[in-house]
Structure formats: C-alpha cells, structure tokens
C-alpha cells in the first residue's frame, strides 16, 4: 500500500453501514491516487452505503508540479462521488493561499455542472480581508461568496460594523452566523462622546439597515461583560449604551431567524429586549442561553413562536405553556457556573420550580450522581430531536 494515498486505500477496503462521514482526505493524496487508479473502477466508497458526507482538505503551500492531469483527476473523483445518494462534499481550504483557492474553485465550478452538493469551509478574517480590499470583494471571493453557509464575525472596533453590514447584505446563501462583540468598544465610544445621547446617535449610524437574507435561520451573539462596579462613574451610561447596542444588533438580523437564537454572556437583558425579539423574529422556535445571569423571569412570554428552550446550567425563568421542550445542559458546569450551580441529581420538582411549569416527561443522562443533561418534554416523540437540539445549543 502506498503511504501517499493510504487513507483512500483504507476506505476502499472498508465495509460498514455505520459510517456516515469520511474525513482525513487530503487533496494531494487524492491526486496521487488518481494517477494510479480510476475512482469508479475501484469504488473507494462502495462499501459504505450510508455515507453522506466527504471531507476534503486542500493544504496550503503544497507543490503540485510533479502531478499531471490535475483537472482530469478532479473530474474523475467528482463524477464518482456524485453517484452516491445524498452525498455532500465539504472542501476545507485556506482562502489566503492562491493555489488552494484556485483548486477549490475548480472543484466548485465543475461540481455545479454535475449538480454535486458542495460546501466550502475555510477560515477567513473578514475584518482584515474587507478592510484591505477597500470594503469590496475580490473577483476570487465573488466566485465563492454565494457558497458561504456559515459566518463568524468579531466586532473589535467600530469599523467592524461596516464589515458586518456588507456581509449581511451580500452572502445570499448564509444560514448560520456567530457575532462576537468586544464590549470595551463601548467605553471607547463613551470616552469620545461624553453625552449618552451623542454616543447613541453615533452608534446608530452603523445600524441604518436590516438584512433581507432569506436563508439565515440561526444566530449566535456574544455581547460580553462590562464593568458594573460602583466605583465606575460611567457604569450607568455603559449599561444604557450596552442595552442600546444589543437592540441595534438584533434589529439588523433578518426576520428569517427561526431555527435558533443563541445568546452568550449577555450582562443585562430587559423585558423590552425579549419583546423586540418576538416582533423581529416571528417564527423563532429555539432560544439558548450561556452565561446569561440576568434574564427577566417572564421574558419568554414575549416570544409566542417559541417551542424549545435550552439553558447551559440553570436559571430561574418561567416557561410559557406553548413551549414543548426544555433542556438543562451541564457539560462544562464548573466553568459556566462555578459559584451557585451544582449538577447533582436533583428531583424534577427542583426544575418545575425554576420553570414555573410542569412536564409529564423527563429524560436525564447521568454520570455517576451528576446530571450530564436533563430534558423535559410534552411529547415523548420529541426525544428523537434532543441530540440535534444539544448539538446546536451547546
């Protein structure tokens, strides 16, 4: 067996109905395999009838000069895997490497001609990229931006909001977004604009739009904490500007947010904030909280579309009667809630008190005497959705 394409030859020998994902495949190994074998004749994935996802990594700074017929090898591979029912090819590459990007585009463009489901997965500092290109997309990025399904943006300085605006109005097939806000930015604004009203007016200039993306259904937002100590003379203004910024950020997200709104490390939330969520996202079904300590007890009554609620740890929040599933996750409990929450095996009444609601069905996963997670359901059939709910809310 050739070590240069060992993983592909291993897949060729495998026979299993349990394997759904094939990974650890590198583009250079793929090309070396193609020089010796025909993919269709050797059927490297034929022994995996339930395979639905193939992950291919294009390594940067790789020399392909000694490889011939690269385009033919790409076509041979894609022509083979497109015959696999419901298969998806995930291409992982470094967008800053020209060769990696060029080869990813070759696969993407040919994949489109044969109706192959391809997802592009790559790390890109969007703030750096757009600022270096005068807030415009380069020709190469124009070719792949419509393939972007997932996006992570960090807001570290005020001009990063310009980047967010461009992305929320350009990535037409975006499905999932993570936004991390550095709250020290608020202090910078307050230091420059001593008046709270002036600071709000300045900040508002960056939120004079609302995204119309149709496929964006999930959003994670981390606002971070800020100094609330009495010694801080500007803490009250910080609180008001913080709440104002939270309102601004959720107001630019499209109404298509329906699968998930995940709020992380939010310092202070008001009933008005949740009322706005209910109005802005009328189809929102799932909300999750992580490191959110100050949730108004009746906050969720402001979101009539809500069906699933997930807490990382515990909070005292009243659960409306229309909610069908509530989960409490304790995966990293010592980190999330080190002071006041212990994940020992508590009885259901403890949770009914937290929720001000009762459920007929409860499922708990225990590790010795600790709860790994506990779920409360109105419909037993909903247990089938718990794994998926945990995966998106953890």
Protein backbone atom coordinates (compact mmCIF):
# COMPACT_ATOMS: atom_id res chain seq x y z
CA UNK A 1 0.00 0.00 0.00
CA UNK A 2 1.35 3.40 -0.95
CA UNK A 3 1.73 5.71 2.06
CA UNK A 4 0.99 8.73 -0.16
CA UNK A 5 -2.67 7.73 -0.51
CA UNK A 6 -3.06 5.29 2.38
CA UNK A 7 -6.33 6.72 3.71
CA UNK A 8 -8.09 6.26 0.36
CA UNK A 9 -6.91 2.66 0.10
CA UNK A 10 -8.21 2.04 3.62
CA UNK A 11 -11.62 3.43 2.66
CA UNK A 12 -11.55 1.13 -0.38
CA UNK A 13 -11.24 -1.91 1.91
CA UNK A 14 -13.90 -0.83 4.43
CA UNK A 15 -17.38 -2.33 4.51
CA UNK A 16 -19.76 -0.76 7.03
CA UNK A 17 -23.32 0.50 7.25
CA UNK A 18 -22.46 2.68 10.27
CA UNK A 19 -20.02 5.09 8.63
CA UNK A 20 -21.79 8.27 7.51
CA UNK A 21 -18.82 10.62 7.22
CA UNK A 22 -15.45 10.14 5.51
CA UNK A 23 -12.71 12.53 6.61
CA UNK A 24 -8.90 12.93 6.74
CA UNK A 25 -8.74 13.05 2.94
CA UNK A 26 -6.17 15.46 1.51
CA UNK A 27 -6.26 16.90 -1.99
CA UNK A 28 -2.64 15.97 -2.81
CA UNK A 29 -3.31 12.36 -1.72
CA UNK A 30 -6.39 12.34 -3.93
CA UNK A 31 -4.33 13.40 -6.95
CA UNK A 32 -1.65 10.78 -6.28
CA UNK A 33 -4.33 8.10 -6.01
CA UNK A 34 -5.87 9.29 -9.30
CA UNK A 35 -2.52 8.84 -11.07
CA UNK A 36 -2.65 5.11 -10.31
CA UNK A 37 -6.33 4.21 -10.11
CA UNK A 38 -9.71 5.10 -11.55
CA UNK A 39 -12.17 6.12 -8.83
CA UNK A 40 -15.21 4.49 -10.42
CA UNK A 41 -13.42 1.22 -11.17
CA UNK A 42 -12.02 0.94 -7.66
CA UNK A 43 -15.14 2.28 -5.92
CA UNK A 44 -13.35 3.52 -2.82
CA UNK A 45 -16.61 4.30 -1.01
CA UNK A 46 -18.71 1.44 -2.41
CA UNK A 47 -18.52 -0.45 0.89
CA UNK A 48 -20.12 2.47 2.77
CA UNK A 49 -23.79 2.50 1.67
CA UNK A 50 -24.84 5.10 4.29
CA UNK A 51 -22.08 7.58 3.53
CA UNK A 52 -23.49 11.12 3.25
CA UNK A 53 -20.52 13.42 3.85
CA UNK A 54 -16.99 13.50 2.45
CA UNK A 55 -14.47 16.00 3.87
CA UNK A 56 -11.59 17.02 1.64
CA UNK A 57 -8.76 19.27 2.83
CA UNK A 58 -6.64 21.30 0.42
CA UNK A 59 -3.40 22.01 2.25
CA UNK A 60 -1.63 25.32 1.72
CA UNK A 61 1.91 25.63 0.36
CA UNK A 62 1.71 22.24 -1.35
CA UNK A 63 3.70 21.68 -4.54
CA UNK A 64 1.67 20.03 -7.31
CA UNK A 65 4.29 20.44 -10.07
CA UNK A 66 5.12 16.72 -10.12
CA UNK A 67 1.47 15.77 -10.58
CA UNK A 68 -0.10 15.53 -14.02
CA UNK A 69 -3.66 15.83 -15.31
CA UNK A 70 -4.96 17.58 -12.19
CA UNK A 71 -8.16 18.73 -13.91
CA UNK A 72 -8.92 15.21 -15.16
CA UNK A 73 -8.29 13.79 -11.70
CA UNK A 74 -10.72 16.29 -10.17
CA UNK A 75 -13.42 15.41 -12.70
CA UNK A 76 -12.86 11.67 -12.22
CA UNK A 77 -13.29 12.00 -8.44
CA UNK A 78 -16.35 14.25 -8.60
CA UNK A 79 -18.00 12.13 -11.30
CA UNK A 80 -17.63 9.15 -8.99
CA UNK A 81 -18.95 10.66 -5.74
CA UNK A 82 -21.92 12.42 -7.38
CA UNK A 83 -23.38 8.94 -7.91
CA UNK A 84 -23.51 8.41 -4.13
CA UNK A 85 -27.06 9.16 -2.98
CA UNK A 86 -27.48 12.40 -1.00
CA UNK A 87 -23.73 12.87 -0.63
CA UNK A 88 -22.21 16.22 0.28
CA UNK A 89 -18.60 17.21 -0.35
CA UNK A 90 -17.06 19.63 2.15
CA UNK A 91 -13.93 21.35 0.86
CA UNK A 92 -11.69 22.77 3.58
CA UNK A 93 -9.03 25.19 2.37
CA UNK A 94 -7.10 28.32 3.31
CA UNK A 95 -8.54 31.26 1.41
CA UNK A 96 -5.29 33.21 1.72
CA UNK A 97 -3.39 30.62 -0.30
CA UNK A 98 -3.84 31.25 -4.04
CA UNK A 99 -3.24 27.63 -5.12
CA UNK A 100 -5.67 26.29 -2.52
CA UNK A 101 -8.32 28.79 -3.59
CA UNK A 102 -7.78 28.03 -7.29
CA UNK A 103 -8.17 24.28 -6.81
CA UNK A 104 -11.21 24.76 -4.58
CA UNK A 105 -12.81 26.88 -7.31
CA UNK A 106 -12.06 24.22 -9.94
CA UNK A 107 -13.92 21.66 -7.85
CA UNK A 108 -16.77 24.03 -7.09
CA UNK A 109 -17.28 25.07 -10.71
CA UNK A 110 -17.22 21.52 -12.07
CA UNK A 111 -19.40 20.32 -9.20
CA UNK A 112 -22.06 22.82 -10.23
CA UNK A 113 -22.19 21.36 -13.75
CA UNK A 114 -22.99 17.89 -12.39
CA UNK A 115 -25.29 19.08 -9.56
CA UNK A 116 -22.98 17.92 -6.78
CA UNK A 117 -23.71 19.30 -3.31
CA UNK A 118 -20.51 21.13 -2.31
CA UNK A 119 -19.88 23.17 0.83
CA UNK A 120 -16.86 25.44 1.12
CA UNK A 121 -15.28 25.52 4.58
CA UNK A 122 -12.43 27.93 5.26
CA UNK A 123 -11.03 30.32 7.81
CA UNK A 124 -11.01 33.97 6.82
CA UNK A 125 -10.54 37.09 8.88
CA UNK A 126 -13.37 39.03 7.26
CA UNK A 127 -12.48 42.26 9.01
CA UNK A 128 -8.91 42.15 7.74
CA UNK A 129 -9.90 40.97 4.26
CA UNK A 130 -12.55 43.63 3.56
CA UNK A 131 -10.53 46.47 5.05
CA UNK A 132 -7.51 45.53 2.93
CA UNK A 133 -9.73 45.49 -0.17
CA UNK A 134 -11.44 48.82 0.49
CA UNK A 135 -14.63 47.08 1.71
CA UNK A 136 -15.08 45.26 -1.62
CA UNK A 137 -14.97 41.60 -2.65
CA UNK A 138 -12.12 40.48 -4.88
CA UNK A 139 -13.00 38.56 -8.05
CA UNK A 140 -11.97 35.25 -6.44
CA UNK A 141 -14.19 35.86 -3.43
CA UNK A 142 -17.13 36.87 -5.63
CA UNK A 143 -16.92 33.38 -7.14
CA UNK A 144 -17.37 31.62 -3.81
CA UNK A 145 -19.29 34.05 -1.58
CA UNK A 146 -22.63 32.55 -2.60
CA UNK A 147 -21.40 29.18 -1.29
CA UNK A 148 -20.83 30.52 2.22
CA UNK A 149 -23.29 28.95 4.67
CA UNK A 150 -21.56 29.74 7.98
CA UNK A 151 -20.01 33.01 9.14
CA UNK A 152 -18.19 34.20 12.24
CA UNK A 153 -17.53 37.91 12.78
CA UNK A 154 -15.75 39.62 15.66
CA UNK A 155 -16.54 43.26 16.43
CA UNK A 156 -13.36 44.68 17.96
CA UNK A 157 -13.52 48.24 16.64
CA UNK A 158 -16.25 50.49 15.31
CA UNK A 159 -15.45 49.94 11.61
CA UNK A 160 -16.07 46.23 12.07
CA UNK A 161 -19.76 47.12 11.98
CA UNK A 162 -19.20 48.21 8.35
CA UNK A 163 -17.87 44.73 7.63
CA UNK A 164 -20.92 43.16 9.27
CA UNK A 165 -23.23 45.30 7.14
CA UNK A 166 -21.53 44.23 3.91
CA UNK A 167 -21.70 40.55 4.83
CA UNK A 168 -25.32 40.65 5.98
CA UNK A 169 -26.29 42.18 2.65
CA UNK A 170 -24.07 40.09 0.35
CA UNK A 171 -23.90 36.44 1.43
CA UNK A 172 -27.18 35.32 -0.10
CA UNK A 173 -26.97 31.68 0.99
CA UNK A 174 -25.78 32.30 4.53
CA UNK A 175 -27.55 30.04 7.03
CA UNK A 176 -25.72 30.48 10.31
CA UNK A 177 -23.90 33.44 11.87
CA UNK A 178 -21.84 33.99 15.03
CA UNK A 179 -21.23 37.56 16.21
CA UNK A 180 -18.75 38.32 18.98
CA UNK A 181 -18.80 41.88 20.33
CA UNK A 182 -15.90 43.30 22.33
CA UNK A 183 -17.67 45.44 24.92
CA UNK A 184 -14.58 47.56 25.61
CA UNK A 185 -15.62 49.24 22.36
CA UNK A 186 -18.45 50.91 24.29
CA UNK A 187 -16.00 52.54 26.68
CA UNK A 188 -14.06 53.92 23.71
CA UNK A 189 -17.28 55.45 22.34
CA UNK A 190 -18.30 56.89 25.72
CA UNK A 191 -14.84 58.38 26.23
CA UNK A 192 -15.14 60.14 22.89
CA UNK A 193 -18.78 61.19 23.28
CA UNK A 194 -19.33 62.23 26.88
CA UNK A 195 -23.08 62.54 26.35
CA UNK A 196 -25.02 59.26 26.29
CA UNK A 197 -27.36 60.66 23.62
CA UNK A 198 -24.41 61.62 21.41
CA UNK A 199 -22.88 58.17 21.87
CA UNK A 200 -26.18 56.53 20.87
CA UNK A 201 -26.53 58.77 17.81
CA UNK A 202 -23.01 57.88 16.70
CA UNK A 203 -23.56 54.14 17.20
CA UNK A 204 -26.93 54.25 15.45
CA UNK A 205 -25.27 55.35 12.19
CA UNK A 206 -23.92 51.83 11.76
CA UNK A 207 -27.34 50.19 12.07
CA UNK A 208 -29.41 52.07 9.50
CA UNK A 209 -30.44 48.89 7.67
CA UNK A 210 -31.98 45.46 8.12
CA UNK A 211 -30.66 42.39 6.36
CA UNK A 212 -33.01 40.69 3.89
CA UNK A 213 -31.13 37.38 3.70
CA UNK A 214 -33.70 34.63 3.21
CA UNK A 215 -31.72 31.58 4.30
CA UNK A 216 -30.19 32.90 7.52
CA UNK A 217 -32.05 30.94 10.20
CA UNK A 218 -29.59 30.69 13.10
CA UNK A 219 -27.67 33.35 15.02
CA UNK A 220 -25.29 33.22 17.98
CA UNK A 221 -24.47 36.52 19.63
CA UNK A 222 -21.94 37.12 22.40
CA UNK A 223 -22.06 40.59 23.91
CA UNK A 224 -19.54 40.07 26.71
CA UNK A 225 -19.48 41.68 30.14
CA UNK A 226 -18.65 45.19 31.28
CA UNK A 227 -17.57 46.92 34.49
CA UNK A 228 -20.60 47.48 36.73
CA UNK A 229 -18.73 48.33 39.93
CA UNK A 230 -19.98 51.36 41.93
CA UNK A 231 -16.50 52.87 41.66
CA UNK A 232 -17.00 53.18 37.92
CA UNK A 233 -18.66 56.58 37.45
CA UNK A 234 -19.76 55.74 33.90
CA UNK A 235 -21.29 52.34 34.72
CA UNK A 236 -24.87 53.61 34.37
CA UNK A 237 -24.15 55.09 30.94
CA UNK A 238 -22.36 51.86 29.99
CA UNK A 239 -25.46 49.89 30.96
CA UNK A 240 -27.74 52.06 28.80
CA UNK A 241 -25.35 52.01 25.83
CA UNK A 242 -24.89 48.25 26.20
CA UNK A 243 -28.66 47.68 26.06
CA UNK A 244 -28.92 50.06 23.12
CA UNK A 245 -26.22 48.16 21.23
CA UNK A 246 -27.93 44.83 21.90
CA UNK A 247 -31.17 46.22 20.48
CA UNK A 248 -29.30 47.55 17.44
CA UNK A 249 -27.58 44.25 16.68
CA UNK A 250 -30.69 42.09 16.79
CA UNK A 251 -32.59 44.71 14.77
CA UNK A 252 -30.30 44.25 11.72
CA UNK A 253 -30.77 40.48 11.57
CA UNK A 254 -33.38 39.26 9.06
CA UNK A 255 -36.82 38.01 10.01
CA UNK A 256 -35.74 34.58 8.70
CA UNK A 257 -34.08 33.82 12.06
CA UNK A 258 -36.27 30.87 13.01
CA UNK A 259 -34.20 27.82 14.00
CA UNK A 260 -32.05 29.29 16.75
CA UNK A 261 -31.15 32.43 18.65
CA UNK A 262 -28.24 31.69 20.98
CA UNK A 263 -27.39 34.43 23.50
CA UNK A 264 -23.96 34.15 25.11
CA UNK A 265 -22.51 36.09 28.02
CA UNK A 266 -25.16 38.78 27.99
CA UNK A 267 -24.75 41.03 31.02
CA UNK A 268 -28.19 42.58 31.27
CA UNK A 269 -31.47 41.93 29.46
CA UNK A 270 -34.82 43.65 29.74
CA UNK A 271 -38.37 42.54 29.01
CA UNK A 272 -38.38 45.08 26.18
CA UNK A 273 -35.40 43.27 24.63
CA UNK A 274 -37.33 40.00 24.53
CA UNK A 275 -40.43 41.76 23.27
CA UNK A 276 -38.35 43.04 20.37
CA UNK A 277 -37.08 39.50 19.71
CA UNK A 278 -40.67 38.26 19.49
CA UNK A 279 -41.54 41.00 16.99
CA UNK A 280 -38.37 40.82 14.87
CA UNK A 281 -38.34 37.02 14.60
CA UNK A 282 -41.99 35.89 14.47
CA UNK A 283 -41.05 32.30 13.55
CA UNK A 284 -38.28 31.75 16.12
CA UNK A 285 -38.62 28.24 17.59
CA UNK A 286 -35.49 27.78 19.73
CA UNK A 287 -33.60 30.00 22.15
CA UNK A 288 -30.49 29.06 24.12
CA UNK A 289 -28.62 30.80 26.94
CA UNK A 290 -24.99 30.57 28.02
CA UNK A 291 -23.51 32.68 30.83
CA UNK A 292 -26.63 34.84 30.94
CA UNK A 293 -27.37 35.64 34.57
CA UNK A 294 -29.97 38.40 34.46
CA UNK A 295 -32.89 37.03 32.45
CA UNK A 296 -36.28 38.53 33.39
CA UNK A 297 -38.43 35.72 34.78
CA UNK A 298 -41.27 36.33 32.29
CA UNK A 299 -39.01 37.09 29.33
CA UNK A 300 -40.02 34.06 27.27
CA UNK A 301 -43.69 35.02 27.39
CA UNK A 302 -42.74 37.73 24.89
CA UNK A 303 -41.88 35.11 22.22
CA UNK A 304 -45.12 33.33 21.22
CA UNK A 305 -43.48 31.22 18.49
CA UNK A 306 -41.02 29.60 20.91
CA UNK A 307 -41.07 25.79 21.16
CA UNK A 308 -37.63 24.87 22.58
CA UNK A 309 -35.60 26.45 25.40
CA UNK A 310 -32.07 25.37 26.34
CA UNK A 311 -30.08 26.53 29.36
CA UNK A 312 -26.36 25.83 29.73
CA UNK A 313 -26.57 25.47 33.51
CA UNK A 314 -29.62 26.73 35.40
CA UNK A 315 -31.64 29.93 35.53
CA UNK A 316 -34.95 30.81 37.14
CA UNK A 317 -37.04 31.63 34.06
CA UNK A 318 -40.77 30.98 33.71
CA UNK A 319 -41.61 28.69 30.80
CA UNK A 320 -44.76 29.55 28.78
CA UNK A 321 -47.34 26.80 28.16
CA UNK A 322 -46.64 26.73 24.42
CA UNK A 323 -43.00 25.59 24.90
CA UNK A 324 -42.68 21.87 24.10
CA UNK A 325 -39.10 21.06 25.18
CA UNK A 326 -36.80 22.48 27.87
CA UNK A 327 -33.22 21.29 28.37
CA UNK A 328 -30.66 21.99 31.09
CA UNK A 329 -27.10 21.17 29.97
CA UNK A 330 -24.27 20.64 32.46
CA UNK A 331 -21.43 19.74 30.08
CA UNK A 332 -18.96 22.37 31.41
CA UNK A 333 -20.76 23.32 34.58
CA UNK A 334 -17.64 24.18 36.63
CA UNK A 335 -16.63 26.73 34.03
CA UNK A 336 -20.06 28.21 33.31
CA UNK A 337 -21.48 28.48 36.81
CA UNK A 338 -18.72 27.83 39.37
CA UNK A 339 -20.36 29.61 42.32
CA UNK A 340 -24.01 28.74 42.59
CA UNK A 341 -24.95 25.73 40.48
CA UNK A 342 -24.18 22.08 41.24
CA UNK A 343 -25.18 19.39 38.77
CA UNK A 344 -26.10 16.77 41.35
CA UNK A 345 -29.05 14.51 40.67
CA UNK A 346 -31.90 16.82 41.70
CA UNK A 347 -35.53 15.77 41.55
CA UNK A 348 -37.96 17.09 38.97
CA UNK A 349 -39.66 19.41 41.45
CA UNK A 350 -36.47 21.49 41.59
CA UNK A 351 -36.77 22.13 37.85
CA UNK A 352 -40.52 22.69 37.95
CA UNK A 353 -39.82 25.50 40.43
CA UNK A 354 -37.19 27.00 38.12
CA UNK A 355 -39.59 26.84 35.17
CA UNK A 356 -42.84 27.64 36.99
CA UNK A 357 -44.23 24.87 34.81
CA UNK A 358 -44.60 21.09 34.88
CA UNK A 359 -43.90 18.47 32.22
CA UNK A 360 -45.13 14.88 32.15
CA UNK A 361 -41.98 13.52 30.54
CA UNK A 362 -38.38 13.92 31.68
CA UNK A 363 -35.20 12.28 30.39
CA UNK A 364 -31.86 12.63 32.12
CA UNK A 365 -28.36 11.48 31.28
CA UNK A 366 -26.36 10.70 34.43
CA UNK A 367 -22.65 10.28 35.04
CA UNK A 368 -22.38 8.65 38.47
CA UNK A 369 -24.53 11.02 40.56
CA UNK A 370 -24.11 14.07 38.31
CA UNK A 371 -26.56 15.14 35.64
CA UNK A 372 -24.98 15.42 32.21
CA UNK A 373 -28.20 16.86 30.86
CA UNK A 374 -31.91 16.74 31.64
CA UNK A 375 -34.77 17.30 29.22
CA UNK A 376 -38.44 17.99 29.85
CA UNK A 377 -40.90 17.19 27.06
CA UNK A 378 -44.61 17.46 26.42
CA UNK A 379 -44.48 14.90 23.62
CA UNK A 380 -42.38 11.75 24.01
CA UNK A 381 -41.72 11.65 20.27
CA UNK A 382 -39.62 14.80 20.72
CA UNK A 383 -36.84 12.69 22.28
CA UNK A 384 -35.67 12.00 18.73
CA UNK A 385 -34.78 15.68 18.36
CA UNK A 386 -32.75 16.01 21.57
CA UNK A 387 -29.36 15.17 20.03
CA UNK A 388 -29.83 17.78 17.35
CA UNK A 389 -31.04 20.30 19.92
CA UNK A 390 -27.97 19.70 22.08
CA UNK A 391 -25.60 19.98 19.13
CA UNK A 392 -26.86 23.43 18.11
CA UNK A 393 -27.38 24.80 21.62
CA UNK A 394 -24.17 23.72 23.34
